[in-house]
PDB file of N, CA and C in Angstrom:
ATOM      1  N   MET A   1      -8.913  13.378 -20.996  1.00  0.00           N
ATOM      2  CA  MET A   1      -8.123  12.139 -21.246  1.00  0.00           C
ATOM      3  C   MET A   1      -7.875  11.399 -19.810  1.00  0.00           C
ATOM      4  N   LYS A   2      -8.265  10.240 -20.069  1.00  0.00           N
ATOM      5  CA  LYS A   2      -8.082   9.095 -18.891  1.00  0.00           C
ATOM      6  C   LYS A   2      -6.838   8.653 -18.594  1.00  0.00           C
ATOM      7  N   LYS A   3      -6.480   8.837 -17.232  1.00  0.00           N
ATOM      8  CA  LYS A   3      -5.055   8.535 -16.861  1.00  0.00           C
ATOM      9  C   LYS A   3      -5.128   7.123 -16.223  1.00  0.00           C
ATOM     10  N   LEU A   4      -4.051   6.593 -16.221  1.00  0.00           N
ATOM     11  CA  LEU A   4      -3.665   5.397 -15.779  1.00  0.00           C
ATOM     12  C   LEU A   4      -3.364   5.485 -14.296  1.00  0.00           C
ATOM     13  N   THR A   5      -4.308   5.161 -13.320  1.00  0.00           N
ATOM     14  CA  THR A   5      -3.686   5.247 -12.049  1.00  0.00           C
ATOM     15  C   THR A   5      -4.056   4.088 -11.061  1.00  0.00           C
ATOM     16  N   LYS A   6      -3.660   3.931  -9.887  1.00  0.00           N
ATOM     17  CA  LYS A   6      -4.064   2.558  -9.221  1.00  0.00           C
ATOM     18  C   LYS A   6      -5.700   2.723  -8.881  1.00  0.00           C
ATOM     19  N   SER A   7      -6.209   1.586  -8.544  1.00  0.00           N
ATOM     20  CA  SER A   7      -7.668   1.712  -8.339  1.00  0.00           C
ATOM     21  C   SER A   7      -7.798   2.010  -6.743  1.00  0.00           C
ATOM     22  N   ALA A   8      -8.808   2.659  -6.660  1.00  0.00           N
ATOM     23  CA  ALA A   8      -9.230   3.078  -5.194  1.00  0.00           C
ATOM     24  C   ALA A   8     -10.094   2.040  -4.539  1.00  0.00           C
ATOM     25  N   THR A   9     -10.936   1.524  -5.354  1.00  0.00           N
ATOM     26  CA  THR A   9     -11.736   0.585  -4.978  1.00  0.00           C
ATOM     27  C   THR A   9     -11.442  -0.934  -5.100  1.00  0.00           C
ATOM     28  N   ASP A  10     -10.845  -1.264  -6.216  1.00  0.00           N
ATOM     29  CA  ASP A  10     -10.657  -2.684  -6.641  1.00  0.00           C
ATOM     30  C   ASP A  10      -9.166  -3.052  -6.466  1.00  0.00           C
ATOM     31  N   ARG A  11      -8.869  -2.985  -5.178  1.00  0.00           N
ATOM     32  CA  ARG A  11      -7.263  -3.253  -4.772  1.00  0.00           C
ATOM     33  C   ARG A  11      -7.286  -4.443  -3.766  1.00  0.00           C
ATOM     34  N   GLN A  12      -6.049  -5.383  -4.510  1.00  0.00           N
ATOM     35  CA  GLN A  12      -5.827  -6.467  -3.553  1.00  0.00           C
ATOM     36  C   GLN A  12      -4.911  -6.339  -2.817  1.00  0.00           C
ATOM     37  N   VAL A  13      -3.374  -5.867  -3.717  1.00  0.00           N
ATOM     38  CA  VAL A  13      -2.069  -5.373  -2.888  1.00  0.00           C
ATOM     39  C   VAL A  13      -2.049  -4.240  -2.894  1.00  0.00           C
ATOM     40  N   SER A  14      -1.823  -3.641  -4.218  1.00  0.00           N
ATOM     41  CA  SER A  14      -1.552  -2.136  -4.298  1.00  0.00           C
ATOM     42  C   SER A  14      -2.356  -1.365  -5.073  1.00  0.00           C
ATOM     43  N   GLY A  15      -3.353  -2.175  -5.981  1.00  0.00           N
ATOM     44  CA  GLY A  15      -4.301  -1.570  -6.879  1.00  0.00           C
ATOM     45  C   GLY A  15      -3.734  -1.172  -8.351  1.00  0.00           C
ATOM     46  N   VAL A  16      -2.656  -1.908  -8.663  1.00  0.00           N
ATOM     47  CA  VAL A  16      -2.238  -1.690 -10.031  1.00  0.00           C
ATOM     48  C   VAL A  16      -2.981  -2.813 -10.902  1.00  0.00           C
ATOM     49  N   LEU A  17      -3.075  -3.828 -10.584  1.00  0.00           N
ATOM     50  CA  LEU A  17      -3.944  -4.590 -11.670  1.00  0.00           C
ATOM     51  C   LEU A  17      -5.471  -4.129 -11.854  1.00  0.00           C
ATOM     52  N   GLY A  18      -6.153  -3.512 -10.761  1.00  0.00           N
ATOM     53  CA  GLY A  18      -7.517  -3.034 -10.535  1.00  0.00           C
ATOM     54  C   GLY A  18      -7.294  -1.918 -11.412  1.00  0.00           C
ATOM     55  N   GLY A  19      -6.310  -0.956 -11.227  1.00  0.00           N
ATOM     56  CA  GLY A  19      -6.122   0.243 -12.071  1.00  0.00           C
ATOM     57  C   GLY A  19      -6.192   0.004 -13.528  1.00  0.00           C
ATOM     58  N   ILE A  20      -5.181  -1.029 -13.852  1.00  0.00           N
ATOM     59  CA  ILE A  20      -5.354  -1.369 -15.225  1.00  0.00           C
ATOM     60  C   ILE A  20      -6.593  -1.916 -15.663  1.00  0.00           C
ATOM     61  N   SER A  21      -7.467  -2.603 -15.179  1.00  0.00           N
ATOM     62  CA  SER A  21      -8.691  -3.074 -15.587  1.00  0.00           C
ATOM     63  C   SER A  21      -9.539  -1.874 -15.517  1.00  0.00           C
ATOM     64  N   GLU A  22      -9.564  -1.040 -14.712  1.00  0.00           N
ATOM     65  CA  GLU A  22     -10.547   0.016 -14.766  1.00  0.00           C
ATOM     66  C   GLU A  22      -9.989   0.710 -16.125  1.00  0.00           C
ATOM     67  N   TYR A  23      -8.768   0.984 -16.481  1.00  0.00           N
ATOM     68  CA  TYR A  23      -8.435   1.898 -17.542  1.00  0.00           C
ATOM     69  C   TYR A  23      -8.960   1.347 -18.928  1.00  0.00           C
ATOM     70  N   PHE A  24      -8.742  -0.053 -18.782  1.00  0.00           N
ATOM     71  CA  PHE A  24      -9.078  -0.890 -20.357  1.00  0.00           C
ATOM     72  C   PHE A  24     -10.481  -1.140 -20.247  1.00  0.00           C
ATOM     73  N   GLY A  25     -11.366  -0.985 -19.050  1.00  0.00           N
ATOM     74  CA  GLY A  25     -12.675  -1.173 -19.061  1.00  0.00           C
ATOM     75  C   GLY A  25     -12.937  -2.652 -19.011  1.00  0.00           C
ATOM     76  N   ILE A  26     -12.254  -3.402 -18.440  1.00  0.00           N
ATOM     77  CA  ILE A  26     -12.486  -4.965 -18.344  1.00  0.00           C
ATOM     78  C   ILE A  26     -12.492  -5.335 -16.797  1.00  0.00           C
ATOM     79  N   ASP A  27     -13.041  -6.568 -16.666  1.00  0.00           N
ATOM     80  CA  ASP A  27     -13.180  -7.178 -15.503  1.00  0.00           C
ATOM     81  C   ASP A  27     -11.715  -7.440 -14.878  1.00  0.00           C
ATOM     82  N   SER A  28     -11.611  -6.876 -13.668  1.00  0.00           N
ATOM     83  CA  SER A  28     -10.198  -7.169 -12.909  1.00  0.00           C
ATOM     84  C   SER A  28      -9.954  -8.682 -12.659  1.00  0.00           C
ATOM     85  N   THR A  29     -10.842  -9.487 -12.704  1.00  0.00           N
ATOM     86  CA  THR A  29     -10.507 -10.798 -12.670  1.00  0.00           C
ATOM     87  C   THR A  29      -9.723 -11.435 -13.656  1.00  0.00           C
ATOM     88  N   ILE A  30     -10.199 -10.881 -14.827  1.00  0.00           N
ATOM     89  CA  ILE A  30      -9.307 -11.223 -16.285  1.00  0.00           C
ATOM     90  C   ILE A  30      -7.982 -10.838 -16.154  1.00  0.00           C
ATOM     91  N   VAL A  31      -7.651  -9.633 -15.525  1.00  0.00           N
ATOM     92  CA  VAL A  31      -6.523  -9.136 -15.500  1.00  0.00           C
ATOM     93  C   VAL A  31      -5.677  -9.850 -14.455  1.00  0.00           C
ATOM     94  N   ARG A  32      -6.213 -10.171 -13.336  1.00  0.00           N
ATOM     95  CA  ARG A  32      -5.381 -10.895 -12.266  1.00  0.00           C
ATOM     96  C   ARG A  32      -5.028 -12.368 -12.872  1.00  0.00           C
ATOM     97  N   VAL A  33      -6.005 -13.056 -13.543  1.00  0.00           N
ATOM     98  CA  VAL A  33      -5.844 -14.353 -14.212  1.00  0.00           C
ATOM     99  C   VAL A  33      -4.681 -14.196 -15.182  1.00  0.00           C
ATOM    100  N   VAL A  34      -4.745 -13.432 -16.190  1.00  0.00           N
ATOM    101  CA  VAL A  34      -3.656 -13.265 -17.015  1.00  0.00           C
ATOM    102  C   VAL A  34      -2.299 -12.920 -16.266  1.00  0.00           C
ATOM    103  N   PHE A  35      -2.419 -11.960 -15.561  1.00  0.00           N
ATOM    104  CA  PHE A  35      -1.025 -11.938 -14.755  1.00  0.00           C
ATOM    105  C   PHE A  35      -0.475 -13.253 -13.912  1.00  0.00           C
ATOM    106  N   LEU A  36      -1.304 -13.803 -13.375  1.00  0.00           N
ATOM    107  CA  LEU A  36      -0.864 -15.145 -12.830  1.00  0.00           C
ATOM    108  C   LEU A  36      -0.449 -16.214 -13.843  1.00  0.00           C
ATOM    109  N   ILE A  37      -1.046 -16.292 -14.937  1.00  0.00           N
ATOM    110  CA  ILE A  37      -0.649 -17.137 -15.794  1.00  0.00           C
ATOM    111  C   ILE A  37       0.658 -16.914 -16.455  1.00  0.00           C
ATOM    112  N   SER A  38       0.843 -15.604 -16.703  1.00  0.00           N
ATOM    113  CA  SER A  38       2.210 -15.106 -17.075  1.00  0.00           C
ATOM    114  C   SER A  38       3.385 -15.276 -15.928  1.00  0.00           C
ATOM    115  N   VAL A  39       2.937 -15.188 -14.605  1.00  0.00           N
ATOM    116  CA  VAL A  39       4.007 -15.543 -13.746  1.00  0.00           C
ATOM    117  C   VAL A  39       4.343 -16.948 -13.822  1.00  0.00           C
ATOM    118  N   PHE A  40       3.624 -17.848 -13.686  1.00  0.00           N
ATOM    119  CA  PHE A  40       3.761 -19.141 -13.715  1.00  0.00           C
ATOM    120  C   PHE A  40       4.322 -19.630 -15.049  1.00  0.00           C
ATOM    121  N   ALA A  41       4.027 -19.050 -16.175  1.00  0.00           N
ATOM    122  CA  ALA A  41       4.567 -19.449 -17.421  1.00  0.00           C
ATOM    123  C   ALA A  41       5.838 -18.916 -17.696  1.00  0.00           C
ATOM    124  N   GLY A  42       6.183 -17.806 -16.894  1.00  0.00           N
ATOM    125  CA  GLY A  42       7.679 -17.351 -16.994  1.00  0.00           C
ATOM    126  C   GLY A  42       7.825 -16.489 -18.128  1.00  0.00           C
ATOM    127  N   VAL A  43       6.594 -15.733 -18.659  1.00  0.00           N
ATOM    128  CA  VAL A  43       6.798 -14.929 -19.633  1.00  0.00           C
ATOM    129  C   VAL A  43       7.168 -13.545 -19.262  1.00  0.00           C
ATOM    130  N   GLY A  44       8.337 -13.258 -19.614  1.00  0.00           N
ATOM    131  CA  GLY A  44       9.098 -11.842 -19.314  1.00  0.00           C
ATOM    132  C   GLY A  44       9.337 -11.891 -17.649  1.00  0.00           C
ATOM    133  N   SER A  45       9.217 -10.755 -17.153  1.00  0.00           N
ATOM    134  CA  SER A  45       9.216 -10.653 -15.532  1.00  0.00           C
ATOM    135  C   SER A  45       7.899  -9.999 -15.286  1.00  0.00           C
ATOM    136  N   PRO A  46       7.003 -10.478 -14.958  1.00  0.00           N
ATOM    137  CA  PRO A  46       5.772  -9.806 -14.372  1.00  0.00           C
ATOM    138  C   PRO A  46       5.883  -9.244 -13.152  1.00  0.00           C
ATOM    139  N   VAL A  47       6.677  -9.965 -12.304  1.00  0.00           N
ATOM    140  CA  VAL A  47       6.747  -9.586 -10.811  1.00  0.00           C
ATOM    141  C   VAL A  47       7.550  -8.369 -10.867  1.00  0.00           C
ATOM    142  N   LEU A  48       8.599  -8.023 -11.506  1.00  0.00           N
ATOM    143  CA  LEU A  48       9.378  -7.023 -11.593  1.00  0.00           C
ATOM    144  C   LEU A  48       8.516  -5.726 -12.142  1.00  0.00           C
ATOM    145  N   LEU A  49       7.859  -6.087 -13.192  1.00  0.00           N
ATOM    146  CA  LEU A  49       6.882  -5.132 -13.820  1.00  0.00           C
ATOM    147  C   LEU A  49       5.811  -4.561 -12.778  1.00  0.00           C
ATOM    148  N   TYR A  50       5.355  -5.514 -11.969  1.00  0.00           N
ATOM    149  CA  TYR A  50       4.230  -5.155 -11.068  1.00  0.00           C
ATOM    150  C   TYR A  50       4.909  -4.347  -9.970  1.00  0.00           C
ATOM    151  N   ILE A  51       5.821  -4.633  -9.591  1.00  0.00           N
ATOM    152  CA  ILE A  51       6.659  -3.773  -8.542  1.00  0.00           C
ATOM    153  C   ILE A  51       7.057  -2.332  -8.925  1.00  0.00           C
ATOM    154  N   LEU A  52       7.515  -2.395 -10.376  1.00  0.00           N
ATOM    155  CA  LEU A  52       7.650  -1.221 -11.041  1.00  0.00           C
ATOM    156  C   LEU A  52       6.448  -0.374 -11.098  1.00  0.00           C
ATOM    157  N   MET A  53       5.488  -0.806 -11.416  1.00  0.00           N
ATOM    158  CA  MET A  53       4.229  -0.013 -11.660  1.00  0.00           C
ATOM    159  C   MET A  53       3.610   0.317 -10.488  1.00  0.00           C
ATOM    160  N   ALA A  54       3.840  -0.521  -9.237  1.00  0.00           N
ATOM    161  CA  ALA A  54       3.154  -0.048  -7.909  1.00  0.00           C
ATOM    162  C   ALA A  54       4.106   1.309  -7.560  1.00  0.00           C
ATOM    163  N   VAL A  55       5.380   1.326  -7.972  1.00  0.00           N
ATOM    164  CA  VAL A  55       6.213   2.452  -7.357  1.00  0.00           C
ATOM    165  C   VAL A  55       5.706   3.749  -8.357  1.00  0.00           C
ATOM    166  N   LEU A  56       5.518   3.405  -9.680  1.00  0.00           N
ATOM    167  CA  LEU A  56       5.475   4.795 -10.497  1.00  0.00           C
ATOM    168  C   LEU A  56       3.946   5.109 -10.674  1.00  0.00           C
ATOM    169  N   MET A  57       3.049   4.141 -10.521  1.00  0.00           N
ATOM    170  CA  MET A  57       1.653   4.655 -10.747  1.00  0.00           C
ATOM    171  C   MET A  57       1.130   5.437  -9.759  1.00  0.00           C
ATOM    172  N   PRO A  58       0.543   6.605 -10.060  1.00  0.00           N
ATOM    173  CA  PRO A  58       0.056   7.584  -9.193  1.00  0.00           C
ATOM    174  C   PRO A  58      -1.227   6.925  -8.536  1.00  0.00           C
ATOM    175  N   GLU A  59      -1.292   7.425  -7.261  1.00  0.00           N
ATOM    176  CA  GLU A  59      -2.743   7.164  -6.524  1.00  0.00           C
ATOM    177  C   GLU A  59      -3.821   7.898  -7.126  1.00  0.00           C
ATOM    178  N   PRO A  60      -5.056   7.418  -7.083  1.00  0.00           N
ATOM    179  CA  PRO A  60      -6.156   7.875  -7.720  1.00  0.00           C
ATOM    180  C   PRO A  60      -6.543   9.102  -6.826  1.00  0.00           C
ATOM    181  N   GLY A  61      -7.151  10.128  -7.477  1.00  0.00           N
ATOM    182  CA  GLY A  61      -7.643  11.311  -7.029  1.00  0.00           C
ATOM    183  C   GLY A  61      -6.466  12.409  -6.710  1.00  0.00           C
ATOM    184  N   ARG A  62      -5.243  12.119  -6.975  1.00  0.00           N
ATOM    185  CA  ARG A  62      -4.120  13.086  -6.765  1.00  0.00           C
ATOM    186  C   ARG A  62      -3.957  13.867  -8.265  1.00  0.00           C
ATOM    187  N   ASN A  63      -3.708  15.109  -8.064  1.00  0.00           N
ATOM    188  CA  ASN A  63      -3.548  15.906  -9.151  1.00  0.00           C
ATOM    189  C   ASN A  63      -2.013  16.248  -9.609  1.00  0.00           C
ATOM    190  N   ASP A  64      -0.964  15.773  -8.871  1.00  0.00           N
ATOM    191  CA  ASP A  64       0.417  15.919  -9.157  1.00  0.00           C
ATOM    192  C   ASP A  64       0.568  15.481 -10.682  1.00  0.00           C
ATOM    193  N   SER A  65       1.480  16.003 -11.566  1.00  0.00           N
ATOM    194  CA  SER A  65       1.664  15.600 -12.800  1.00  0.00           C
ATOM    195  C   SER A  65       2.809  14.676 -12.859  1.00  0.00           C
ATOM    196  N   GLY A  66       3.758  14.782 -11.598  1.00  0.00           N
ATOM    197  CA  GLY A  66       5.039  13.863 -11.808  1.00  0.00           C
ATOM    198  C   GLY A  66       4.714  12.652 -10.822  1.00  0.00           C
ATOM    199  N   GLN A  67       5.799  11.882 -10.789  1.00  0.00           N
ATOM    200  CA  GLN A  67       5.587  10.691  -9.824  1.00  0.00           C
ATOM    201  C   GLN A  67       5.838  11.136  -8.515  1.00  0.00           C
ATOM    202  N   SER A  68       5.553  10.455  -7.399  1.00  0.00           N
ATOM    203  CA  SER A  68       5.881  10.605  -6.145  1.00  0.00           C
ATOM    204  C   SER A  68       6.699   9.418  -5.422  1.00  0.00           C
ATOM    205  N   PHE A  69       7.983   9.384  -5.538  1.00  0.00           N
ATOM    206  CA  PHE A  69       8.538   8.502  -4.882  1.00  0.00           C
ATOM    207  C   PHE A  69       8.709   8.555  -3.556  1.00  0.00           C
ATOM    208  N   GLY A  70       8.206   7.352  -2.997  1.00  0.00           N
ATOM    209  CA  GLY A  70       8.103   7.353  -1.508  1.00  0.00           C
ATOM    210  C   GLY A  70       6.974   7.744  -0.808  1.00  0.00           C
ATOM    211  N   GLY A  71       5.925   8.248  -1.526  1.00  0.00           N
ATOM    212  CA  GLY A  71       4.625   8.591  -1.134  1.00  0.00           C
ATOM    213  C   GLY A  71       4.513   9.623  -0.010  1.00  0.00           C
ATOM    214  N   THR A  72       3.714   9.782   1.083  1.00  0.00           N
ATOM    215  CA  THR A  72       3.751  10.679   2.006  1.00  0.00           C
ATOM    216  C   THR A  72       4.366  10.480   3.187  1.00  0.00           C
ATOM    217  N   TYR A  73       5.210   9.422   3.122  1.00  0.00           N
ATOM    218  CA  TYR A  73       5.913   8.926   4.703  1.00  0.00           C
ATOM    219  C   TYR A  73       7.034   9.998   5.006  1.00  0.00           C
ATOM    220  N   GLY A  74       7.657  10.731   4.121  1.00  0.00           N
ATOM    221  CA  GLY A  74       8.585  11.528   4.602  1.00  0.00           C
ATOM    222  C   GLY A  74       8.132  13.161   4.404  1.00  0.00           C
ATOM    223  N   SER A  75       6.909  13.166   4.138  1.00  0.00           N
ATOM    224  CA  SER A  75       6.704  14.724   3.669  1.00  0.00           C
ATOM    225  C   SER A  75       5.983  15.416   4.880  1.00  0.00           C
ATOM    226  N   SER A  76       5.888  16.598   4.952  1.00  0.00           N
ATOM    227  CA  SER A  76       5.394  17.253   6.182  1.00  0.00           C
ATOM    228  C   SER A  76       3.810  16.970   6.255  1.00  0.00           C
ATOM    229  N   SER A  77       3.257  16.634   5.364  1.00  0.00           N
ATOM    230  CA  SER A  77       1.640  16.377   5.447  1.00  0.00           C
ATOM    231  C   SER A  77       1.450  14.763   5.797  1.00  0.00           C
ATOM    232  N   SER A  78       2.170  14.132   6.556  1.00  0.00           N
ATOM    233  CA  SER A  78       1.916  12.834   7.093  1.00  0.00           C
ATOM    234  C   SER A  78       0.957  12.970   7.970  1.00  0.00           C
ATOM    235  N   ARG A  79       0.346  11.892   8.349  1.00  0.00           N
ATOM    236  CA  ARG A  79      -0.910  11.874   9.159  1.00  0.00           C
ATOM    237  C   ARG A  79      -0.534  12.101  10.718  1.00  0.00           C
ATOM    238  N   ARG A  80       0.536  12.164  11.306  1.00  0.00           N
ATOM    239  CA  ARG A  80       0.882  12.493  12.611  1.00  0.00           C
ATOM    240  C   ARG A  80       0.583  13.916  12.928  1.00  0.00           C
ATOM    241  N   GLY A  81      -0.458  13.666  13.982  1.00  0.00           N
ATOM    242  CA  GLY A  81      -0.846  15.034  14.616  1.00  0.00           C
ATOM    243  C   GLY A  81      -1.904  15.675  13.718  1.00  0.00           C
ATOM    244  N   THR A  82      -2.476  15.115  12.663  1.00  0.00           N
ATOM    245  CA  THR A  82      -3.517  15.785  11.959  1.00  0.00           C
ATOM    246  C   THR A  82      -4.857  15.435  12.460  1.00  0.00           C
ATOM    247  N   ASP A  83      -5.190  14.328  13.093  1.00  0.00           N
ATOM    248  CA  ASP A  83      -6.432  13.874  13.514  1.00  0.00           C
ATOM    249  C   ASP A  83      -6.633  14.507  14.850  1.00  0.00           C
ATOM    250  N   THR A  84      -7.540  15.297  15.051  1.00  0.00           N
ATOM    251  CA  THR A  84      -7.691  15.911  16.420  1.00  0.00           C
ATOM    252  C   THR A  84      -8.942  15.244  16.922  1.00  0.00           C
ATOM    253  N   SER A  85      -9.758  14.424  16.419  1.00  0.00           N
ATOM    254  CA  SER A  85     -10.966  13.881  16.807  1.00  0.00           C
ATOM    255  C   SER A  85     -10.681  12.696  18.131  1.00  0.00           C
ATOM    256  N   ARG A  86      -9.428  12.151  17.927  1.00  0.00           N
ATOM    257  CA  ARG A  86      -9.145  11.368  18.990  1.00  0.00           C
ATOM    258  C   ARG A  86      -8.754  11.696  20.141  1.00  0.00           C
ATOM    259  N   SER A  87      -9.150  11.099  21.341  1.00  0.00           N
ATOM    260  CA  SER A  87      -8.558  11.686  22.602  1.00  0.00           C
ATOM    261  C   SER A  87      -7.237  10.898  23.011  1.00  0.00           C
ATOM    262  N   VAL A  88      -6.352  11.440  23.679  1.00  0.00           N
ATOM    263  CA  VAL A  88      -5.167  10.731  24.062  1.00  0.00           C
ATOM    264  C   VAL A  88      -5.612  10.129  25.412  1.00  0.00           C
ATOM    265  N   LYS A  89      -5.117   8.874  25.466  1.00  0.00           N
ATOM    266  CA  LYS A  89      -5.202   8.032  26.566  1.00  0.00           C
ATOM    267  C   LYS A  89      -4.106   8.184  27.384  1.00  0.00           C
ATOM    268  N   GLU A  90      -4.263   8.497  28.989  1.00  0.00           N
ATOM    269  CA  GLU A  90      -2.876   8.660  29.668  1.00  0.00           C
ATOM    270  C   GLU A  90      -2.429   7.125  29.989  1.00  0.00           C
ATOM    271  N   ALA A  91      -1.313   6.883  30.255  1.00  0.00           N
ATOM    272  CA  ALA A  91      -0.588   5.690  30.341  1.00  0.00           C
ATOM    273  C   ALA A  91      -0.772   5.300  31.971  1.00  0.00           C
ATOM    274  N   LYS A  92      -1.250   4.274  32.293  1.00  0.00           N
ATOM    275  CA  LYS A  92      -1.565   3.628  33.846  1.00  0.00           C
ATOM    276  C   LYS A  92      -0.067   3.568  34.273  1.00  0.00           C
ATOM    277  N   PRO A  93       0.215   3.837  35.499  1.00  0.00           N
ATOM    278  CA  PRO A  93       1.306   3.528  36.322  1.00  0.00           C
ATOM    279  C   PRO A  93       1.598   2.066  36.432  1.00  0.00           C
ATOM    280  N   VAL A  94       2.990   1.466  36.263  1.00  0.00           N
ATOM    281  CA  VAL A  94       3.095   0.343  36.244  1.00  0.00           C
ATOM    282  C   VAL A  94       3.273  -0.172  37.621  1.00  0.00           C
ATOM    283  N   GLU A  95       2.807  -1.396  37.940  1.00  0.00           N
ATOM    284  CA  GLU A  95       2.986  -1.953  39.474  1.00  0.00           C
ATOM    285  C   GLU A  95       4.264  -2.571  39.592  1.00  0.00           C
ATOM    286  N   LYS A  96       4.957  -2.424  40.688  1.00  0.00           N
ATOM    287  CA  LYS A  96       6.254  -3.007  40.692  1.00  0.00           C
ATOM    288  C   LYS A  96       5.847  -4.452  41.345  1.00  0.00           C
ATOM    289  N   GLN A  97       6.470  -5.165  40.687  1.00  0.00           N
ATOM    290  CA  GLN A  97       6.177  -6.693  40.986  1.00  0.00           C
ATOM    291  C   GLN A  97       7.580  -7.273  41.623  1.00  0.00           C
ATOM    292  N   GLU A  98       7.421  -8.435  42.424  1.00  0.00           N
ATOM    293  CA  GLU A  98       8.547  -8.790  43.086  1.00  0.00           C
ATOM    294  C   GLU A  98       9.466  -9.525  41.868  1.00  0.00           C
ATOM    295  N   GLU A  99      10.757  -9.207  42.350  1.00  0.00           N
ATOM    296  CA  GLU A  99      11.582  -9.842  41.229  1.00  0.00           C
ATOM    297  C   GLU A  99      11.895 -11.390  41.498  1.00  0.00           C
ATOM    298  N   ASP A 100      11.974 -12.323  40.388  1.00  0.00           N
ATOM    299  CA  ASP A 100      12.166 -13.454  40.526  1.00  0.00           C
ATOM    300  C   ASP A 100      13.578 -13.882  41.078  1.00  0.00           C
ATOM    301  N   ASP A 101      13.564 -14.933  41.545  1.00  0.00           N
ATOM    302  CA  ASP A 101      14.908 -15.369  42.156  1.00  0.00           C
ATOM    303  C   ASP A 101      15.687 -16.049  40.806  1.00  0.00           C
ATOM    304  N   TRP A 102      16.559 -15.658  40.333  1.00  0.00           N
ATOM    305  CA  TRP A 102      17.268 -16.371  39.067  1.00  0.00           C
ATOM    306  C   TRP A 102      18.539 -17.068  39.638  1.00  0.00           C
ATOM    307  N   SER A 103      18.851 -17.183  40.774  1.00  0.00           N
ATOM    308  CA  SER A 103      20.045 -17.687  41.183  1.00  0.00           C
ATOM    309  C   SER A 103      20.348 -19.166  40.953  1.00  0.00           C
ATOM    310  N   ASP A 104      19.355 -19.860  40.597  1.00  0.00           N
ATOM    311  CA  ASP A 104      19.422 -21.387  40.284  1.00  0.00           C
ATOM    312  C   ASP A 104      20.356 -21.484  38.969  1.00  0.00           C
ATOM    313  N   PHE A 105      20.181 -20.436  38.082  1.00  0.00           N
ATOM    314  CA  PHE A 105      21.043 -20.469  36.893  1.00  0.00           C
ATOM    315  C   PHE A 105      22.331 -20.250  36.799  1.00  0.00           C
TER     316      PHE A 105
END
């Protein structure tokens, strides 16, 4: 069974509209144009629906059955410290500069 997920390849903002177009098998431009027409026509509240779907729709390739609120920002699997291919650059010492005379103010 096909799952509705955000698009990994066809994303402009968060991949919601691209994911919808992939799920229904239609061109993403058509989905985006229909979304913009509904925004300007004032039909329902498409912006609120988009934000809600951006939060609730799972990312592609994830095997979680539930929603992940907040993504990986607070989890222990965040990207900090996992990339060992980068070298750490040492900071250059700061040269002491003459202090400006601010007595005129």
